[in-house]
């Protein structure tokens, strides 16, 4: 579970379903295994806008992915 999404009342599965992509794809973006294309970030922002019922700009979606990826990398290095 990604804390930042949970605080918004969202899950990776909800975003993936709205985007019509695999949940694993969304997970890979948040874990840093894959980098989403600009088109994917735009689609994610659009999906989050629908799910949240308010505009969610692509820049915020990109920032969210970067923030979560950075936090997860830090947690991983601390556990090694």
Foldseek 3Di string as FASTA:
>chain_A
DQPVQVVLVHDLVQLCVLLVHDSVVSVCLLQVVDPDDLVVLQSSQVSVCVVSVHGRDSVNSNVVSVVSNVVNVVVVVVVD
